N, C-alpha and C. Protein backbone atom coordinates (compact mmCIF):
# COMPACT_ATOMS: atom_id res chain seq x y z
N MET A 1 54.21 210.20 45.86
CA MET A 1 52.91 209.59 46.63
C MET A 1 52.21 209.97 46.50
N SER A 2 50.80 209.42 47.05
CA SER A 2 49.44 209.43 46.87
C SER A 2 49.43 210.59 47.90
N ARG A 3 48.56 211.36 47.57
CA ARG A 3 47.74 211.78 49.02
C ARG A 3 47.52 211.13 50.08
N ARG A 4 46.80 209.84 49.49
CA ARG A 4 46.54 209.04 50.96
C ARG A 4 47.37 208.56 51.54
N LEU A 5 48.26 207.49 50.77
CA LEU A 5 49.24 207.64 51.65
C LEU A 5 49.50 208.11 52.78
N ASP A 6 50.46 209.75 52.31
CA ASP A 6 50.20 210.94 52.94
C ASP A 6 49.94 210.87 54.32
N ARG A 7 48.54 210.79 53.96
CA ARG A 7 47.59 210.96 55.23
C ARG A 7 47.70 209.43 56.29
N VAL A 8 47.61 208.49 55.57
CA VAL A 8 48.09 207.30 56.78
C VAL A 8 49.09 207.06 57.26
N ASN A 9 50.70 207.61 56.54
CA ASN A 9 51.67 208.13 56.91
C ASN A 9 51.53 208.76 58.13
N GLU A 10 50.93 209.84 58.24
CA GLU A 10 50.88 211.26 59.18
C GLU A 10 50.30 210.84 60.09
N LEU A 11 49.05 209.48 59.52
CA LEU A 11 48.51 209.53 61.21
C LEU A 11 49.10 207.98 61.69
N LEU A 12 49.99 207.24 61.35
CA LEU A 12 50.73 206.04 61.85
C LEU A 12 51.30 206.50 62.98
N ARG A 13 52.39 207.97 62.33
CA ARG A 13 53.35 209.38 62.96
C ARG A 13 52.85 208.89 64.17
N ARG A 14 52.06 209.79 64.24
CA ARG A 14 51.31 210.39 65.35
C ARG A 14 50.87 208.98 66.54
N GLU A 15 49.96 208.16 65.97
CA GLU A 15 49.53 207.02 66.79
C GLU A 15 50.58 206.46 67.50
N ILE A 16 51.62 206.18 66.18
CA ILE A 16 53.03 205.49 67.04
C ILE A 16 53.61 206.37 68.49
N GLY A 17 53.69 207.57 67.71
CA GLY A 17 54.49 208.16 68.82
C GLY A 17 53.78 208.57 70.14
N SER A 18 52.56 208.08 70.38
CA SER A 18 51.83 207.87 71.42
C SER A 18 51.81 207.30 72.48
N VAL A 19 51.89 206.01 71.43
CA VAL A 19 51.75 204.56 71.72
C VAL A 19 53.32 204.63 72.91
N ILE A 20 54.34 205.57 72.29
CA ILE A 20 55.78 205.15 72.39
C ILE A 20 56.19 205.69 73.91
N GLN A 21 55.24 207.18 73.38
CA GLN A 21 55.54 207.89 74.79
C GLN A 21 54.55 207.67 75.83
N LYS A 22 53.12 206.69 75.68
CA LYS A 22 52.49 206.10 77.08
C LYS A 22 52.46 205.36 78.01
N ASP A 23 53.27 204.69 76.76
CA ASP A 23 53.66 202.94 77.06
C ASP A 23 55.33 202.65 77.72
N TYR A 24 55.84 203.38 77.38
CA TYR A 24 57.63 202.95 77.51
C TYR A 24 58.08 204.28 78.18
N GLU A 25 59.41 203.45 79.15
CA GLU A 25 59.52 204.45 79.98
C GLU A 25 61.49 204.77 78.99
N TRP A 26 61.77 205.70 78.70
CA TRP A 26 63.14 205.52 77.80
C TRP A 26 64.28 206.49 78.72
N HIS A 27 64.22 206.13 80.46
CA HIS A 27 65.26 206.69 81.29
C HIS A 27 65.90 208.27 80.70
N ASN A 28 65.50 209.09 80.68
CA ASN A 28 66.30 210.15 80.04
C ASN A 28 66.93 210.50 79.19
N ARG A 29 65.66 209.77 78.37
CA ARG A 29 66.61 210.14 76.21
C ARG A 29 65.05 210.53 75.97
N LEU A 30 65.17 211.16 75.08
CA LEU A 30 63.86 211.94 74.20
C LEU A 30 63.95 210.57 73.07
N VAL A 31 62.36 210.69 72.55
CA VAL A 31 62.60 209.33 72.02
C VAL A 31 61.26 209.84 70.60
N THR A 32 61.50 209.95 69.73
CA THR A 32 60.56 210.31 69.13
C THR A 32 60.68 209.66 67.57
N VAL A 33 58.76 209.91 66.83
CA VAL A 33 58.51 209.34 65.85
C VAL A 33 58.50 210.36 64.38
N SER A 34 59.95 210.22 64.16
CA SER A 34 59.96 211.38 63.02
C SER A 34 59.49 211.25 61.34
N ASP A 35 59.33 210.13 60.87
CA ASP A 35 58.72 209.72 59.95
C ASP A 35 57.84 208.48 59.92
N VAL A 36 56.76 208.24 59.12
CA VAL A 36 56.67 206.69 58.75
C VAL A 36 56.07 206.38 57.15
N GLU A 37 57.05 205.31 56.30
CA GLU A 37 56.67 205.15 55.72
C GLU A 37 56.18 203.92 55.49
N VAL A 38 54.55 203.63 54.59
CA VAL A 38 54.02 202.58 54.35
C VAL A 38 53.73 202.33 52.80
N THR A 39 53.84 200.57 52.62
CA THR A 39 54.23 200.60 51.03
C THR A 39 52.35 200.33 50.45
N GLN A 40 52.82 200.70 49.09
CA GLN A 40 51.31 201.46 48.91
C GLN A 40 50.35 200.57 48.91
N ASP A 41 50.84 198.62 49.24
CA ASP A 41 49.99 197.92 49.89
C ASP A 41 49.12 198.20 50.93
N LEU A 42 50.20 198.45 51.78
CA LEU A 42 49.91 199.17 53.30
C LEU A 42 50.43 197.47 53.87
N LYS A 43 51.27 196.78 53.70
CA LYS A 43 51.73 195.56 54.58
C LYS A 43 53.29 195.54 55.34
N GLU A 44 53.43 196.84 55.00
CA GLU A 44 54.85 197.23 55.21
C GLU A 44 55.07 198.42 55.44
N GLY A 45 55.62 198.93 56.99
CA GLY A 45 55.96 200.49 56.94
C GLY A 45 57.23 200.92 57.60
N LYS A 46 58.10 201.36 57.21
CA LYS A 46 59.45 201.51 58.09
C LYS A 46 58.97 202.95 59.18
N VAL A 47 59.46 202.61 60.16
CA VAL A 47 59.37 203.70 61.15
C VAL A 47 60.65 204.67 61.91
N TRP A 48 60.77 205.70 61.32
CA TRP A 48 62.14 205.93 61.82
C TRP A 48 61.74 206.66 63.06
N ILE A 49 62.71 206.23 63.87
CA ILE A 49 62.66 206.82 65.86
C ILE A 49 64.01 207.66 65.51
N GLY A 50 64.16 209.04 66.21
CA GLY A 50 65.02 209.94 66.06
C GLY A 50 64.94 209.62 67.96
N VAL A 51 66.00 209.37 68.70
CA VAL A 51 66.93 209.32 70.24
C VAL A 51 67.82 210.20 70.30
N LEU A 52 67.85 210.84 71.60
CA LEU A 52 68.61 212.54 71.84
C LEU A 52 68.89 211.94 73.63
N GLY A 53 69.97 211.88 73.72
CA GLY A 53 70.39 212.16 74.97
C GLY A 53 70.82 210.34 75.25
N GLY A 54 70.53 209.93 74.37
CA GLY A 54 71.21 208.21 74.65
C GLY A 54 71.88 207.70 74.03
N GLU A 55 72.12 206.02 74.01
CA GLU A 55 71.99 205.44 72.62
C GLU A 55 70.83 205.09 71.97
N ALA A 56 70.99 204.89 70.71
CA ALA A 56 69.83 204.78 70.24
C ALA A 56 70.35 203.32 69.73
N ASN A 57 70.63 202.41 69.78
CA ASN A 57 70.24 200.92 69.75
C ASN A 57 69.58 200.20 70.45
N SER A 58 70.20 200.52 71.75
CA SER A 58 69.16 199.27 72.44
C SER A 58 67.76 200.11 72.28
N VAL A 59 67.14 201.50 72.15
CA VAL A 59 66.01 201.68 71.29
C VAL A 59 65.00 200.71 70.60
N ILE A 60 66.20 201.21 69.46
CA ILE A 60 65.17 200.29 68.26
C ILE A 60 65.48 198.78 68.14
N VAL A 61 65.93 198.18 69.16
CA VAL A 61 66.10 196.83 69.33
C VAL A 61 64.77 196.73 70.51
N LYS A 62 64.39 197.17 71.21
CA LYS A 62 63.62 197.41 71.87
C LYS A 62 62.10 197.02 71.29
N LEU A 63 62.05 198.23 70.59
CA LEU A 63 60.88 198.58 69.94
C LEU A 63 60.40 197.41 68.32
N ASN A 64 61.88 196.77 68.25
CA ASN A 64 61.52 196.09 67.31
C ASN A 64 61.70 194.89 67.79
N LYS A 65 61.21 194.50 68.79
CA LYS A 65 61.05 193.59 69.68
C LYS A 65 59.60 193.25 70.09
N ASP A 66 59.45 194.19 70.61
CA ASP A 66 57.67 195.01 70.42
C ASP A 66 56.87 195.10 69.33
N HIS A 67 57.24 195.06 68.32
CA HIS A 67 56.86 195.54 66.78
C HIS A 67 55.20 195.27 67.14
N GLY A 68 54.93 193.84 67.58
CA GLY A 68 53.39 193.45 67.25
C GLY A 68 52.27 193.85 68.60
N ALA A 69 52.75 194.37 69.76
CA ALA A 69 52.88 194.63 70.38
C ALA A 69 52.06 196.49 69.91
N ILE A 70 53.12 197.11 69.58
CA ILE A 70 53.06 198.34 68.62
C ILE A 70 51.56 198.92 67.88
N GLN A 71 52.04 197.50 67.42
CA GLN A 71 50.58 197.15 66.28
C GLN A 71 49.70 197.22 66.88
N SER A 72 49.16 196.46 67.47
CA SER A 72 47.69 196.22 67.59
C SER A 72 47.46 197.52 68.41
N LYS A 73 48.30 198.25 69.01
CA LYS A 73 47.45 199.19 69.86
C LYS A 73 47.16 200.07 69.09
N VAL A 74 48.17 200.81 68.02
CA VAL A 74 47.77 201.42 67.07
C VAL A 74 46.67 201.25 66.18
N MET A 75 46.61 199.92 65.87
CA MET A 75 45.66 199.27 65.08
C MET A 75 43.90 199.66 65.36
N LYS A 76 44.11 199.16 66.65
CA LYS A 76 43.14 199.95 67.84
C LYS A 76 42.31 200.94 67.59
N ARG A 77 43.34 201.84 67.01
CA ARG A 77 42.78 203.61 66.91
C ARG A 77 42.70 203.52 65.95
N VAL A 78 43.45 203.14 64.55
CA VAL A 78 43.34 203.09 63.34
C VAL A 78 42.87 202.11 62.28
N VAL A 79 41.92 202.13 61.99
CA VAL A 79 41.16 200.85 61.22
C VAL A 79 41.60 201.40 59.60
N LEU A 80 42.49 200.15 58.85
CA LEU A 80 42.68 199.65 58.04
C LEU A 80 42.54 198.57 56.95
N LYS A 81 42.77 199.06 55.81
CA LYS A 81 42.47 197.69 54.64
C LYS A 81 43.47 196.56 55.56
N SER A 82 44.50 196.43 55.66
CA SER A 82 45.20 195.57 56.06
C SER A 82 46.57 196.76 57.41
N THR A 83 46.86 195.63 58.03
CA THR A 83 47.63 196.45 59.30
C THR A 83 49.33 196.09 58.37
N PRO A 84 50.11 197.20 58.61
CA PRO A 84 51.06 196.93 58.09
C PRO A 84 51.72 196.69 59.32
N VAL A 85 52.74 195.71 58.78
CA VAL A 85 53.68 195.25 59.64
C VAL A 85 55.37 196.63 60.26
N LEU A 86 55.17 196.61 61.61
CA LEU A 86 56.33 198.12 61.23
C LEU A 86 57.78 197.69 61.44
N ARG A 87 58.62 198.20 61.21
CA ARG A 87 60.13 197.66 61.21
C ARG A 87 60.27 199.09 62.33
N PHE A 88 61.82 199.21 62.75
CA PHE A 88 61.95 200.66 63.34
C PHE A 88 62.80 200.55 62.66
N HIS A 89 64.09 202.04 62.96
CA HIS A 89 64.88 202.26 62.31
C HIS A 89 65.28 203.26 62.64
N HIS A 90 66.65 203.62 62.79
CA HIS A 90 67.24 204.72 63.24
C HIS A 90 67.73 206.34 62.73
N ASP A 91 66.53 207.00 62.87
CA ASP A 91 66.95 208.34 62.13
C ASP A 91 67.90 209.29 63.11
N ALA A 92 69.32 209.82 62.23
CA ALA A 92 70.04 210.43 63.13
C ALA A 92 69.78 212.35 62.70
N SER A 93 69.12 212.33 62.56
CA SER A 93 69.42 213.21 61.89
C SER A 93 69.03 214.49 62.67
N ALA A 94 68.17 214.27 63.50
CA ALA A 94 68.08 214.96 64.82
C ALA A 94 69.55 215.19 65.75
N VAL A 95 69.90 214.11 65.88
CA VAL A 95 71.33 214.33 66.56
C VAL A 95 72.53 215.13 65.69
N ARG A 96 72.31 215.01 64.00
CA ARG A 96 73.32 215.49 63.46
C ARG A 96 72.82 217.24 63.47
N GLY A 97 71.88 218.08 63.10
CA GLY A 97 71.20 218.75 63.82
C GLY A 97 71.81 219.54 65.19
N VAL A 98 71.75 218.74 65.89
CA VAL A 98 72.32 219.08 67.78
C VAL A 98 74.01 219.46 67.42
N GLU A 99 74.72 218.56 66.48
CA GLU A 99 76.13 218.64 66.90
C GLU A 99 76.53 220.18 65.80
N ILE A 100 75.46 220.27 64.46
CA ILE A 100 75.68 221.34 63.39
C ILE A 100 75.51 223.03 64.89
N VAL A 101 74.24 222.40 64.98
CA VAL A 101 74.03 223.92 65.97
C VAL A 101 75.38 224.10 66.68
N ASN A 102 75.61 222.68 67.93
CA ASN A 102 77.30 223.61 68.67
C ASN A 102 77.98 223.75 67.33
N LEU A 103 78.13 223.68 66.78
CA LEU A 103 79.74 223.39 65.81
C LEU A 103 79.21 225.33 65.49
N LEU A 104 78.31 225.47 65.02
CA LEU A 104 77.98 226.98 64.35
C LEU A 104 78.04 228.22 65.88
N GLU A 105 77.19 227.66 67.39
CA GLU A 105 77.62 228.21 67.83
C GLU A 105 79.35 228.49 68.59
N GLU A 106 80.16 227.60 68.21
CA GLU A 106 81.70 227.90 68.31
C GLU A 106 82.33 228.37 67.71
N VAL A 107 82.15 228.50 66.27
CA VAL A 107 82.39 229.26 65.37
C VAL A 107 81.53 230.91 65.22
N ASP A 108 80.77 230.74 66.09
CA ASP A 108 80.41 232.21 66.56
C ASP A 108 81.28 232.80 67.66
N LYS A 109 81.64 232.22 68.53
CA LYS A 109 83.16 232.57 68.88
C LYS A 109 84.35 232.70 69.21
N LEU A 110 84.48 232.36 67.78
CA LEU A 110 86.35 232.39 67.19
C LEU A 110 86.05 234.43 67.08
N PRO A 111 87.52 234.56 67.43
CA PRO A 111 87.35 235.99 67.21
C PRO A 111 86.96 236.61 65.68
N LYS A 112 86.62 238.01 65.93
CA LYS A 112 86.13 238.28 64.05
C LYS A 112 86.98 239.62 63.81
N ALA A 113 87.02 239.63 62.56
CA ALA A 113 88.46 240.66 62.45
C ALA A 113 87.20 241.57 62.63
N LEU A 114 87.78 242.86 62.75
CA LEU A 114 87.00 244.30 62.69
C LEU A 114 86.44 245.35 61.50
N GLU A 115 85.49 245.44 61.86
CA GLU A 115 84.66 245.87 60.71
C GLU A 115 85.44 247.05 59.99
N GLU A 116 85.96 248.21 60.23
CA GLU A 116 86.53 248.97 60.17
C GLU A 116 87.89 248.58 59.38
N ASP A 117 88.73 247.59 59.66
CA ASP A 117 89.74 247.11 59.32
C ASP A 117 89.47 246.71 57.62
N LEU A 118 88.29 246.00 57.73
CA LEU A 118 87.44 245.28 56.16
C LEU A 118 87.32 246.28 55.62
N GLN A 119 86.89 247.17 55.77
CA GLN A 119 86.41 248.40 55.02
C GLN A 119 87.04 249.25 54.87
N ASP A 120 88.60 249.43 55.55
CA ASP A 120 89.64 250.20 54.77
C ASP A 120 90.46 249.59 53.80
N GLY A 121 90.51 248.48 53.42
CA GLY A 121 90.66 247.52 52.31
C GLY A 121 92.07 246.45 52.78
N GLY A 122 91.91 246.24 54.10
CA GLY A 122 93.02 246.41 54.82
C GLY A 122 92.68 244.54 55.03
N SER A 123 93.23 243.53 55.57
CA SER A 123 93.26 242.14 55.25
C SER A 123 93.24 242.17 56.70
N PRO A 124 92.17 240.87 57.28
CA PRO A 124 92.07 241.26 58.65
C PRO A 124 93.35 240.33 59.44
N LEU A 125 93.91 239.79 58.55
CA LEU A 125 95.03 239.07 59.30
C LEU A 125 96.44 239.35 59.15
N GLN A 126 95.97 241.44 58.54
CA GLN A 126 97.59 242.03 59.08
C GLN A 126 97.79 242.12 60.86
């Protein structure tokens, strides 16, 4: 991907995130824009949304329904040759990350073999 597209994607990610945080009430959910992927011709853009603390499908449906209003607000701040049509998709990586951290904390609470048993060459299961 070109540096220009990288800069456009990052700029759109910040501006879309700003619009989503200012103009929408998410009721005890954290909604973030994790990534934006715009096509080379700037006609279409995929917006990856992370949702923590609730069901994500309703958020994605609402954003896709309001994509025209979001596009117009973003494009008042970002001037591009053409306005990409934004489509919102769920990014589950944040949820998976929280689940992995929780699993690691559970593993850390499990009983551990004594260090001196392991140094003596004994099996921790004796």
